[in-house]
C-alpha atoms as a PDB file:
ATOM      1  CA  MET A   1     -36.626  93.326 -38.394  1.00  0.00           C
ATOM      2  CA  LYS A   2     -36.957  96.900 -36.556  1.00  0.00           C
ATOM      3  CA  SER A   3     -35.992  99.344 -38.952  1.00  0.00           C
ATOM      4  CA  LEU A   4     -33.522 101.998 -37.394  1.00  0.00           C
ATOM      5  CA  THR A   5     -33.608 105.660 -38.049  1.00  0.00           C
ATOM      6  CA  ALA A   6     -30.006 107.559 -39.214  1.00  0.00           C
ATOM      7  CA  LEU A   7     -30.520 108.950 -35.285  1.00  0.00           C
ATOM      8  CA  GLN A   8     -30.587 106.038 -33.495  1.00  0.00           C
ATOM      9  CA  VAL A   9     -28.171 104.088 -35.150  1.00  0.00           C
ATOM     10  CA  VAL A  10     -25.290 106.709 -34.102  1.00  0.00           C
ATOM     11  CA  SER A  11     -27.078 106.824 -30.755  1.00  0.00           C
ATOM     12  CA  GLU A  12     -25.980 102.948 -30.624  1.00  0.00           C
ATOM     13  CA  GLU A  13     -22.807 103.716 -32.510  1.00  0.00           C
ATOM     14  CA  LEU A  14     -21.651 106.310 -29.519  1.00  0.00           C
ATOM     15  CA  GLU A  15     -22.827 103.909 -26.872  1.00  0.00           C
ATOM     16  CA  LYS A  16     -20.652 101.109 -28.418  1.00  0.00           C
ATOM     17  CA  PHE A  17     -17.767 103.521 -28.588  1.00  0.00           C
ATOM     18  CA  ILE A  18     -18.326 105.295 -25.194  1.00  0.00           C
ATOM     19  CA  ASN A  19     -18.469 101.605 -23.417  1.00  0.00           C
ATOM     20  CA  TYR A  20     -15.174 100.221 -25.773  1.00  0.00           C
ATOM     21  CA  LEU A  21     -13.270 103.737 -24.200  1.00  0.00           C
ATOM     22  CA  LYS A  22     -14.320 102.175 -21.011  1.00  0.00           C
ATOM     23  CA  THR A  23     -11.966  98.995 -21.552  1.00  0.00           C
ATOM     24  CA  VAL A  24      -9.264 101.474 -22.441  1.00  0.00           C
ATOM     25  CA  ASP A  25      -9.425 103.247 -19.704  1.00  0.00           C
ATOM     26  CA  ALA A  26     -10.244 101.015 -16.692  1.00  0.00           C
ATOM     27  CA  GLU A  27     -10.033 103.705 -13.922  1.00  0.00           C
ATOM     28  CA  LEU A  28     -12.784 106.486 -16.099  1.00  0.00           C
ATOM     29  CA  LEU A  29     -15.698 104.630 -14.216  1.00  0.00           C
ATOM     30  CA  GLU A  30     -17.777 108.393 -13.924  1.00  0.00           C
ATOM     31  CA  GLN A  31     -20.040 108.282 -16.986  1.00  0.00           C
ATOM     32  CA  GLN A  32     -19.660 111.761 -17.716  1.00  0.00           C
ATOM     33  CA  GLU A  33     -15.868 111.370 -18.255  1.00  0.00           C
ATOM     34  CA  VAL A  34     -16.499 108.935 -20.566  1.00  0.00           C
ATOM     35  CA  THR A  35     -18.453 110.682 -22.563  1.00  0.00           C
ATOM     36  CA  LEU A  36     -16.778 113.723 -22.369  1.00  0.00           C
ATOM     37  CA  LEU A  37     -14.005 111.324 -23.392  1.00  0.00           C
ATOM     38  CA  ALA A  38     -15.420 111.039 -26.796  1.00  0.00           C
ATOM     39  CA  ALA A  39     -16.633 114.049 -27.013  1.00  0.00           C
ATOM     40  CA  VAL A  40     -13.052 114.989 -26.981  1.00  0.00           C
ATOM     41  CA  LEU A  41     -11.955 112.069 -29.603  1.00  0.00           C
ATOM     42  CA  LEU A  42     -14.548 113.158 -31.979  1.00  0.00           C
ATOM     43  CA  GLU A  43     -13.332 116.833 -32.286  1.00  0.00           C
ATOM     44  CA  GLN A  44      -9.770 115.671 -32.984  1.00  0.00           C
ATOM     45  CA  LEU A  45     -10.900 113.142 -35.959  1.00  0.00           C
ATOM     46  CA  PRO A  46     -11.046 115.286 -38.047  1.00  0.00           C
ATOM     47  CA  THR A  47      -7.420 116.092 -37.712  1.00  0.00           C
ATOM     48  CA  VAL A  48      -5.996 112.573 -37.333  1.00  0.00           C
ATOM     49  CA  LEU A  49      -8.094 111.968 -40.645  1.00  0.00           C
ATOM     50  CA  GLN A  50      -6.007 114.795 -42.376  1.00  0.00           C
ATOM     51  CA  SER A  51      -3.102 113.272 -41.024  1.00  0.00           C
ATOM     52  CA  ASN A  52      -3.258 109.945 -41.918  1.00  0.00           C
ATOM     53  CA  PRO A  53      -4.009 108.575 -45.467  1.00  0.00           C
ATOM     54  CA  ASP A  54      -5.431 105.254 -44.757  1.00  0.00           C
ATOM     55  CA  PRO A  55      -8.000 106.039 -42.203  1.00  0.00           C
ATOM     56  CA  LEU A  56      -9.387 108.563 -44.470  1.00  0.00           C
ATOM     57  CA  LYS A  57      -9.442 106.617 -47.253  1.00  0.00           C
ATOM     58  CA  TYR A  58     -11.888 104.208 -45.060  1.00  0.00           C
ATOM     59  CA  VAL A  59     -13.813 106.863 -44.435  1.00  0.00           C
ATOM     60  CA  GLN A  60     -14.146 107.862 -48.224  1.00  0.00           C
ATOM     61  CA  GLN A  61     -15.014 104.072 -48.892  1.00  0.00           C
ATOM     62  CA  SER A  62     -17.503 104.138 -46.651  1.00  0.00           C
ATOM     63  CA  ASP A  63     -19.049 107.566 -47.807  1.00  0.00           C
ATOM     64  CA  TYR A  64     -19.692 105.971 -51.389  1.00  0.00           C
ATOM     65  CA  ARG A  65     -20.970 103.233 -49.650  1.00  0.00           C
ATOM     66  CA  ILE A  66     -23.932 104.515 -47.762  1.00  0.00           C
ATOM     67  CA  LYS A  67     -24.728 106.760 -50.945  1.00  0.00           C
ATOM     68  CA  GLN A  68     -24.793 103.578 -52.455  1.00  0.00           C
ATOM     69  CA  LYS A  69     -26.915 101.945 -50.240  1.00  0.00           C
ATOM     70  CA  MET A  70     -29.315 105.334 -49.143  1.00  0.00           C
ATOM     71  CA  ARG A  71     -29.864 106.745 -53.069  1.00  0.00           C
ATOM     72  CA  PRO A  72     -32.575 105.213 -55.153  1.00  0.00           C
END
């Protein structure tokens, strides 16, 4: 099995997110439009997480799991 770099993982997940956004609004046909929407949503994500404790807890739990896997 091929080991992916962090950049490859991020790139693949961003592509999945952009493809998901296309399903939310079928009128977003241009790749540039969908990519800009993803950028706007990512920019607003910290504000959303700060005002919603449940998703923030999920982020913290995921952070812990990643650190456990990455560190010796």
